[in-house]
Amino acid sequence: MESIFKTWKRSREIYLEYFDSYTLEQLNKVPEGFSNNLIWNIGHVIVAQQGLIYKTSGLETYVSKELYERYKSGTKPSQQISEAEVSELKEFLVSLIEKTESDFFEGIFVTFNERMTGTGFHLGSLKDAFEFNNYHEGVHLGLMMNIRKFV
């Protein structure tokens, strides 16, 4: 698990760099030919992790229901995101790693409900969910690397 957390932390550091490199307007821009923007991808990986790890373990998420609904799979940007929400997402990128790691080592993940992801990955254990989360965040980081060329 140490390497999984190490990879996840580095991925989140890269996501954080987008806040320093792009304006609010650029973060919100959906380039022609794309269905989402930089900030949606960041919000999405945050809520996806909460779903993959917490919801699949039968636990409550640390993000609000409204935030979860705005960025869950199958959604796309429906409004311009404010500086306040950008700050909230920026905080979640870091704080949820710390909270999840702490929760893991405290043993709060007792059950895990096997499931298939929308892309056909079978998650049979909590470790599978953590590994898939890192893969998923890498996919979205790749999408962001493409989007950034057009904002």
C-alpha atoms as a PDB file:
ATOM      1  CA  MET A   1       0.000   0.000   0.000  1.00  0.00           C
ATOM      2  CA  GLU A   2       2.925   2.341   0.548  1.00  0.00           C
ATOM      3  CA  SER A   3       3.651   2.521  -3.184  1.00  0.00           C
ATOM      4  CA  ILE A   4      -0.040   3.052  -3.977  1.00  0.00           C
ATOM      5  CA  PHE A   5      -0.191   6.018  -1.601  1.00  0.00           C
ATOM      6  CA  LYS A   6       3.118   7.364  -2.902  1.00  0.00           C
ATOM      7  CA  THR A   7       1.865   7.278  -6.499  1.00  0.00           C
ATOM      8  CA  TRP A   8      -1.442   8.844  -5.498  1.00  0.00           C
ATOM      9  CA  LYS A   9       0.279  11.683  -3.647  1.00  0.00           C
ATOM     10  CA  ARG A  10       2.471  12.477  -6.651  1.00  0.00           C
ATOM     11  CA  SER A  11      -0.540  12.432  -8.959  1.00  0.00           C
ATOM     12  CA  ARG A  12      -2.320  14.919  -6.712  1.00  0.00           C
ATOM     13  CA  GLU A  13       0.772  17.177  -6.637  1.00  0.00           C
ATOM     14  CA  ILE A  14       0.607  17.332 -10.434  1.00  0.00           C
ATOM     15  CA  TYR A  15      -3.104  18.189 -10.286  1.00  0.00           C
ATOM     16  CA  LEU A  16      -2.330  21.000  -7.827  1.00  0.00           C
ATOM     17  CA  GLU A  17       0.112  22.545 -10.322  1.00  0.00           C
ATOM     18  CA  TYR A  18      -2.826  23.319 -12.633  1.00  0.00           C
ATOM     19  CA  PHE A  19      -4.149  25.840 -10.096  1.00  0.00           C
ATOM     20  CA  ASP A  20      -0.886  27.794 -10.272  1.00  0.00           C
ATOM     21  CA  SER A  21      -0.552  27.545 -14.048  1.00  0.00           C
ATOM     22  CA  TYR A  22      -4.040  28.462 -15.279  1.00  0.00           C
ATOM     23  CA  THR A  23      -6.499  31.266 -14.612  1.00  0.00           C
ATOM     24  CA  LEU A  24     -10.049  30.666 -13.451  1.00  0.00           C
ATOM     25  CA  GLU A  25     -11.218  31.383 -16.993  1.00  0.00           C
ATOM     26  CA  GLN A  26      -8.802  28.802 -18.410  1.00  0.00           C
ATOM     27  CA  LEU A  27      -9.790  26.212 -15.789  1.00  0.00           C
ATOM     28  CA  ASN A  28     -13.452  26.675 -16.766  1.00  0.00           C
ATOM     29  CA  LYS A  29     -12.981  26.704 -20.546  1.00  0.00           C
ATOM     30  CA  VAL A  30     -14.343  23.704 -22.457  1.00  0.00           C
ATOM     31  CA  PRO A  31     -12.319  23.685 -25.680  1.00  0.00           C
ATOM     32  CA  GLU A  32     -14.020  22.874 -28.965  1.00  0.00           C
ATOM     33  CA  GLY A  33     -14.114  19.125 -29.451  1.00  0.00           C
ATOM     34  CA  PHE A  34     -13.985  18.354 -25.720  1.00  0.00           C
ATOM     35  CA  SER A  35     -16.863  17.578 -23.365  1.00  0.00           C
ATOM     36  CA  ASN A  36     -15.249  18.871 -20.196  1.00  0.00           C
ATOM     37  CA  ASN A  37     -12.617  21.237 -18.844  1.00  0.00           C
ATOM     38  CA  LEU A  38      -9.616  21.264 -16.528  1.00  0.00           C
ATOM     39  CA  ILE A  39     -11.566  21.988 -13.352  1.00  0.00           C
ATOM     40  CA  TRP A  40     -14.195  19.334 -14.071  1.00  0.00           C
ATOM     41  CA  ASN A  41     -11.464  16.702 -14.369  1.00  0.00           C
ATOM     42  CA  ILE A  42     -10.050  17.755 -11.007  1.00  0.00           C
ATOM     43  CA  GLY A  43     -13.469  17.665  -9.346  1.00  0.00           C
ATOM     44  CA  HIS A  44     -14.178  14.334 -10.992  1.00  0.00           C
ATOM     45  CA  VAL A  45     -11.070  12.556  -9.691  1.00  0.00           C
ATOM     46  CA  ILE A  46     -11.854  13.839  -6.203  1.00  0.00           C
ATOM     47  CA  VAL A  47     -15.402  12.488  -6.133  1.00  0.00           C
ATOM     48  CA  ALA A  48     -14.495   9.319  -8.037  1.00  0.00           C
ATOM     49  CA  GLN A  49     -11.944   8.450  -5.344  1.00  0.00           C
ATOM     50  CA  GLN A  50     -14.580   9.003  -2.692  1.00  0.00           C
ATOM     51  CA  GLY A  51     -16.951   6.681  -4.528  1.00  0.00           C
ATOM     52  CA  LEU A  52     -14.368   4.017  -5.284  1.00  0.00           C
ATOM     53  CA  ILE A  53     -12.961   3.842  -1.770  1.00  0.00           C
ATOM     54  CA  TYR A  54     -15.666   5.022   0.620  1.00  0.00           C
ATOM     55  CA  LYS A  55     -19.021   4.357  -1.051  1.00  0.00           C
ATOM     56  CA  THR A  56     -17.912   0.915  -2.247  1.00  0.00           C
ATOM     57  CA  SER A  57     -16.898   0.183   1.348  1.00  0.00           C
ATOM     58  CA  GLY A  58     -20.334   1.214   2.579  1.00  0.00           C
ATOM     59  CA  LEU A  59     -19.047   4.440   4.165  1.00  0.00           C
ATOM     60  CA  GLU A  60     -20.034   8.085   3.847  1.00  0.00           C
ATOM     61  CA  THR A  61     -17.902  10.349   1.681  1.00  0.00           C
ATOM     62  CA  TYR A  62     -16.118  13.453   2.925  1.00  0.00           C
ATOM     63  CA  VAL A  63     -17.487  15.533   0.053  1.00  0.00           C
ATOM     64  CA  SER A  64     -20.984  16.972  -0.028  1.00  0.00           C
ATOM     65  CA  LYS A  65     -23.739  15.246  -1.953  1.00  0.00           C
ATOM     66  CA  GLU A  66     -23.974  18.336  -4.190  1.00  0.00           C
ATOM     67  CA  LEU A  67     -20.279  18.206  -5.057  1.00  0.00           C
ATOM     68  CA  TYR A  68     -20.479  14.474  -5.649  1.00  0.00           C
ATOM     69  CA  GLU A  69     -23.458  14.876  -7.978  1.00  0.00           C
ATOM     70  CA  ARG A  70     -21.769  17.701  -9.929  1.00  0.00           C
ATOM     71  CA  TYR A  71     -18.612  15.703 -10.744  1.00  0.00           C
ATOM     72  CA  LYS A  72     -19.605  12.031 -10.702  1.00  0.00           C
ATOM     73  CA  SER A  73     -19.200   9.798 -13.755  1.00  0.00           C
ATOM     74  CA  GLY A  74     -21.533  10.709 -16.582  1.00  0.00           C
ATOM     75  CA  THR A  75     -21.625  14.423 -15.782  1.00  0.00           C
ATOM     76  CA  LYS A  76     -20.058  17.335 -17.585  1.00  0.00           C
ATOM     77  CA  PRO A  77     -19.564  21.004 -16.722  1.00  0.00           C
ATOM     78  CA  SER A  78     -22.910  22.740 -16.382  1.00  0.00           C
ATOM     79  CA  GLN A  79     -21.784  26.073 -14.927  1.00  0.00           C
ATOM     80  CA  GLN A  80     -18.728  28.234 -14.400  1.00  0.00           C
ATOM     81  CA  ILE A  81     -16.915  27.244 -11.217  1.00  0.00           C
ATOM     82  CA  SER A  82     -16.227  30.060  -8.757  1.00  0.00           C
ATOM     83  CA  GLU A  83     -12.977  30.889  -6.964  1.00  0.00           C
ATOM     84  CA  ALA A  84     -14.596  29.591  -3.771  1.00  0.00           C
ATOM     85  CA  GLU A  85     -15.222  26.160  -5.301  1.00  0.00           C
ATOM     86  CA  VAL A  86     -11.745  26.141  -6.814  1.00  0.00           C
ATOM     87  CA  SER A  87     -10.372  26.695  -3.298  1.00  0.00           C
ATOM     88  CA  GLU A  88     -12.515  23.869  -1.971  1.00  0.00           C
ATOM     89  CA  LEU A  89     -11.318  21.469  -4.683  1.00  0.00           C
ATOM     90  CA  LYS A  90      -7.716  22.499  -4.115  1.00  0.00           C
ATOM     91  CA  GLU A  91      -8.083  21.731  -0.413  1.00  0.00           C
ATOM     92  CA  PHE A  92      -9.729  18.366  -1.124  1.00  0.00           C
ATOM     93  CA  LEU A  93      -6.871  17.307  -3.411  1.00  0.00           C
ATOM     94  CA  VAL A  94      -4.579  17.270  -0.382  1.00  0.00           C
ATOM     95  CA  SER A  95      -6.816  16.737   2.644  1.00  0.00           C
ATOM     96  CA  LEU A  96      -8.596  13.682   1.271  1.00  0.00           C
ATOM     97  CA  ILE A  97      -5.319  11.857   0.726  1.00  0.00           C
ATOM     98  CA  GLU A  98      -4.364  12.470   4.333  1.00  0.00           C
ATOM     99  CA  LYS A  99      -7.814  11.460   5.580  1.00  0.00           C
ATOM    100  CA  THR A 100      -8.000   8.333   3.400  1.00  0.00           C
ATOM    101  CA  GLU A 101      -4.513   7.204   4.379  1.00  0.00           C
ATOM    102  CA  SER A 102      -5.325   7.746   8.056  1.00  0.00           C
ATOM    103  CA  ASP A 103      -8.651   5.914   7.708  1.00  0.00           C
ATOM    104  CA  PHE A 104      -6.906   3.023   5.956  1.00  0.00           C
ATOM    105  CA  PHE A 105      -4.280   2.558   8.645  1.00  0.00           C
ATOM    106  CA  GLU A 106      -6.904   2.974  11.399  1.00  0.00           C
ATOM    107  CA  GLY A 107      -8.803   0.070   9.832  1.00  0.00           C
ATOM    108  CA  ILE A 108     -12.157   1.758   9.165  1.00  0.00           C
ATOM    109  CA  PHE A 109     -12.554  -0.096   5.856  1.00  0.00           C
ATOM    110  CA  VAL A 110     -14.142  -3.305   7.120  1.00  0.00           C
ATOM    111  CA  THR A 111     -16.312  -4.322   4.183  1.00  0.00           C
ATOM    112  CA  PHE A 112     -15.941  -3.960   0.450  1.00  0.00           C
ATOM    113  CA  ASN A 113     -18.714  -4.487  -2.075  1.00  0.00           C
ATOM    114  CA  GLU A 114     -17.275  -6.012  -5.236  1.00  0.00           C
ATOM    115  CA  ARG A 115     -18.203  -4.152  -8.371  1.00  0.00           C
ATOM    116  CA  MET A 116     -17.437  -3.604 -12.014  1.00  0.00           C
ATOM    117  CA  THR A 117     -16.380  -0.143 -13.119  1.00  0.00           C
ATOM    118  CA  GLY A 118     -18.015   1.575 -16.056  1.00  0.00           C
ATOM    119  CA  THR A 119     -14.927   0.743 -18.101  1.00  0.00           C
ATOM    120  CA  GLY A 120     -15.058  -2.966 -17.294  1.00  0.00           C
ATOM    121  CA  PHE A 121     -12.547  -3.290 -14.463  1.00  0.00           C
ATOM    122  CA  HIS A 122     -13.554  -5.754 -11.758  1.00  0.00           C
ATOM    123  CA  LEU A 123     -12.876  -4.412  -8.276  1.00  0.00           C
ATOM    124  CA  GLY A 124     -12.830  -7.381  -5.941  1.00  0.00           C
ATOM    125  CA  SER A 125     -11.072  -5.775  -3.012  1.00  0.00           C
ATOM    126  CA  LEU A 126     -10.219  -2.457  -1.433  1.00  0.00           C
ATOM    127  CA  LYS A 127      -6.686  -2.794  -2.796  1.00  0.00           C
ATOM    128  CA  ASP A 128      -8.137  -3.213  -6.299  1.00  0.00           C
ATOM    129  CA  ALA A 129     -10.093   0.020  -5.766  1.00  0.00           C
ATOM    130  CA  PHE A 130      -6.972   1.915  -4.693  1.00  0.00           C
ATOM    131  CA  GLU A 131      -5.027   0.600  -7.678  1.00  0.00           C
ATOM    132  CA  PHE A 132      -7.854   1.450 -10.062  1.00  0.00           C
ATOM    133  CA  ASN A 133      -8.105   4.920  -8.532  1.00  0.00           C
ATOM    134  CA  ASN A 134      -4.472   5.597  -9.456  1.00  0.00           C
ATOM    135  CA  TYR A 135      -5.078   4.339 -12.980  1.00  0.00           C
ATOM    136  CA  HIS A 136      -8.230   6.471 -13.242  1.00  0.00           C
ATOM    137  CA  GLU A 137      -6.429   9.595 -12.050  1.00  0.00           C
ATOM    138  CA  GLY A 138      -3.716   8.949 -14.641  1.00  0.00           C
ATOM    139  CA  VAL A 139      -6.311   8.738 -17.411  1.00  0.00           C
ATOM    140  CA  HIS A 140      -7.806  12.079 -16.399  1.00  0.00           C
ATOM    141  CA  LEU A 141      -4.389  13.668 -16.075  1.00  0.00           C
ATOM    142  CA  GLY A 142      -3.747  12.635 -19.676  1.00  0.00           C
ATOM    143  CA  LEU A 143      -7.021  14.225 -20.734  1.00  0.00           C
ATOM    144  CA  MET A 144      -6.021  17.425 -18.947  1.00  0.00           C
ATOM    145  CA  MET A 145      -2.679  17.453 -20.729  1.00  0.00           C
ATOM    146  CA  ASN A 146      -4.617  17.529 -23.987  1.00  0.00           C
ATOM    147  CA  ILE A 147      -7.133  20.147 -22.830  1.00  0.00           C
ATOM    148  CA  ARG A 148      -4.400  22.509 -21.628  1.00  0.00           C
ATOM    149  CA  LYS A 149      -3.135  22.897 -25.193  1.00  0.00           C
ATOM    150  CA  PHE A 150      -6.393  24.609 -26.130  1.00  0.00           C
ATOM    151  CA  VAL A 151      -7.087  26.925 -23.195  1.00  0.00           C
END
